[in-house]
Amino acid sequence: MIGLRRMEELQAEANYHRERYQLYKAKTFGPSLTSTVRLGELERRCQGADSRLRSAERDNAEPTGLAEELHD
């Protein structure tokens, strides 16, 4: 079970990396020089943070059968 504080940290980390990736990706459509290597690195970080968040959410999810057993 992941604590509330850690879940908030993981959500903030995922949001941060997602925003950085999206901003840099948008920058590639403008006149400024951009790097495909940098874009790939930001995308990998974004995916990694999202993966860690999803994993923590799965760990915190209550097993379906257990909830029914507790209420019976």
C-alpha atoms as a PDB file:
ATOM      1  CA  MET A   1       0.000   0.000   0.000  1.00  0.00           C
ATOM      2  CA  ILE A   2       1.403   3.347  -1.096  1.00  0.00           C
ATOM      3  CA  GLY A   3       0.837   6.299   1.242  1.00  0.00           C
ATOM      4  CA  LEU A   4      -1.145   9.379   0.251  1.00  0.00           C
ATOM      5  CA  ARG A   5       1.940  11.605   0.318  1.00  0.00           C
ATOM      6  CA  ARG A   6       3.865   9.273  -2.009  1.00  0.00           C
ATOM      7  CA  MET A   7       0.886   9.070  -4.382  1.00  0.00           C
ATOM      8  CA  GLU A   8       0.767  12.865  -4.520  1.00  0.00           C
ATOM      9  CA  GLU A   9       4.502  12.948  -5.265  1.00  0.00           C
ATOM     10  CA  LEU A  10       4.075  10.412  -8.077  1.00  0.00           C
ATOM     11  CA  GLN A  11       1.160  12.384  -9.539  1.00  0.00           C
ATOM     12  CA  ALA A  12       3.159  15.614  -9.403  1.00  0.00           C
ATOM     13  CA  GLU A  13       6.155  13.911 -11.014  1.00  0.00           C
ATOM     14  CA  ALA A  14       3.999  12.458 -13.802  1.00  0.00           C
ATOM     15  CA  ASN A  15       2.359  15.851 -14.435  1.00  0.00           C
ATOM     16  CA  TYR A  16       5.732  17.611 -14.472  1.00  0.00           C
ATOM     17  CA  HIS A  17       7.291  15.235 -17.002  1.00  0.00           C
ATOM     18  CA  ARG A  18       4.132  15.181 -19.154  1.00  0.00           C
ATOM     19  CA  GLU A  19       4.076  18.984 -19.308  1.00  0.00           C
ATOM     20  CA  ARG A  20       7.783  19.242 -20.141  1.00  0.00           C
ATOM     21  CA  TYR A  21       7.395  16.687 -22.928  1.00  0.00           C
ATOM     22  CA  GLN A  22       4.304  18.405 -24.356  1.00  0.00           C
ATOM     23  CA  LEU A  23       5.933  21.845 -24.242  1.00  0.00           C
ATOM     24  CA  TYR A  24       9.075  20.635 -25.989  1.00  0.00           C
ATOM     25  CA  LYS A  25       7.020  18.726 -28.550  1.00  0.00           C
ATOM     26  CA  ALA A  26       5.052  21.918 -29.297  1.00  0.00           C
ATOM     27  CA  LYS A  27       8.350  23.765 -29.644  1.00  0.00           C
ATOM     28  CA  THR A  28       9.335  21.419 -32.492  1.00  0.00           C
ATOM     29  CA  PHE A  29       6.595  22.995 -34.644  1.00  0.00           C
ATOM     30  CA  GLY A  30       8.064  26.486 -34.231  1.00  0.00           C
ATOM     31  CA  PRO A  31      11.086  28.191 -35.745  1.00  0.00           C
ATOM     32  CA  SER A  32      13.435  27.332 -32.854  1.00  0.00           C
ATOM     33  CA  LEU A  33      15.961  24.549 -33.191  1.00  0.00           C
ATOM     34  CA  THR A  34      15.046  21.397 -31.306  1.00  0.00           C
ATOM     35  CA  SER A  35      16.670  18.039 -30.774  1.00  0.00           C
ATOM     36  CA  THR A  36      15.012  14.721 -31.557  1.00  0.00           C
ATOM     37  CA  VAL A  37      17.304  13.152 -28.955  1.00  0.00           C
ATOM     38  CA  ARG A  38      16.050  15.567 -26.303  1.00  0.00           C
ATOM     39  CA  LEU A  39      12.441  14.969 -27.349  1.00  0.00           C
ATOM     40  CA  GLY A  40      12.981  11.220 -27.037  1.00  0.00           C
ATOM     41  CA  GLU A  41      14.561  11.634 -23.611  1.00  0.00           C
ATOM     42  CA  LEU A  42      11.627  13.736 -22.384  1.00  0.00           C
ATOM     43  CA  GLU A  43       9.180  11.195 -23.798  1.00  0.00           C
ATOM     44  CA  ARG A  44      10.950   8.326 -21.984  1.00  0.00           C
ATOM     45  CA  ARG A  45      10.897  10.263 -18.710  1.00  0.00           C
ATOM     46  CA  CYS A  46       7.198  11.014 -19.195  1.00  0.00           C
ATOM     47  CA  GLN A  47       6.415   7.363 -19.874  1.00  0.00           C
ATOM     48  CA  GLY A  48       8.496   6.242 -16.892  1.00  0.00           C
ATOM     49  CA  ALA A  49       6.729   8.614 -14.515  1.00  0.00           C
ATOM     50  CA  ASP A  50       3.323   7.559 -15.864  1.00  0.00           C
ATOM     51  CA  SER A  51       4.297   3.918 -15.465  1.00  0.00           C
ATOM     52  CA  ARG A  52       5.353   4.418 -11.838  1.00  0.00           C
ATOM     53  CA  LEU A  53       2.084   6.233 -11.103  1.00  0.00           C
ATOM     54  CA  ARG A  54      -0.052   3.499 -12.720  1.00  0.00           C
ATOM     55  CA  SER A  55       1.863   0.830 -10.825  1.00  0.00           C
ATOM     56  CA  ALA A  56       1.285   2.615  -7.513  1.00  0.00           C
ATOM     57  CA  GLU A  57      -2.401   3.033  -8.330  1.00  0.00           C
ATOM     58  CA  ARG A  58      -2.676  -0.704  -9.048  1.00  0.00           C
ATOM     59  CA  ASP A  59      -0.920  -1.487  -5.763  1.00  0.00           C
ATOM     60  CA  ASN A  60      -3.402   0.699  -3.906  1.00  0.00           C
ATOM     61  CA  ALA A  61      -6.444  -0.742  -5.643  1.00  0.00           C
ATOM     62  CA  GLU A  62      -8.506  -2.982  -3.408  1.00  0.00           C
ATOM     63  CA  PRO A  63      -8.808  -6.529  -4.739  1.00  0.00           C
ATOM     64  CA  THR A  64     -12.337  -7.068  -6.073  1.00  0.00           C
ATOM     65  CA  GLY A  65     -13.085 -10.292  -4.229  1.00  0.00           C
ATOM     66  CA  LEU A  66     -11.787  -9.018  -0.906  1.00  0.00           C
ATOM     67  CA  ALA A  67     -14.233  -6.106  -0.783  1.00  0.00           C
ATOM     68  CA  GLU A  68     -17.186  -8.412  -1.307  1.00  0.00           C
ATOM     69  CA  GLU A  69     -15.973 -10.826   1.362  1.00  0.00           C
ATOM     70  CA  LEU A  70     -15.555  -8.044   3.927  1.00  0.00           C
ATOM     71  CA  HIS A  71     -19.074  -6.730   3.396  1.00  0.00           C
ATOM     72  CA  ASP A  72     -20.802 -10.150   3.681  1.00  0.00           C
END
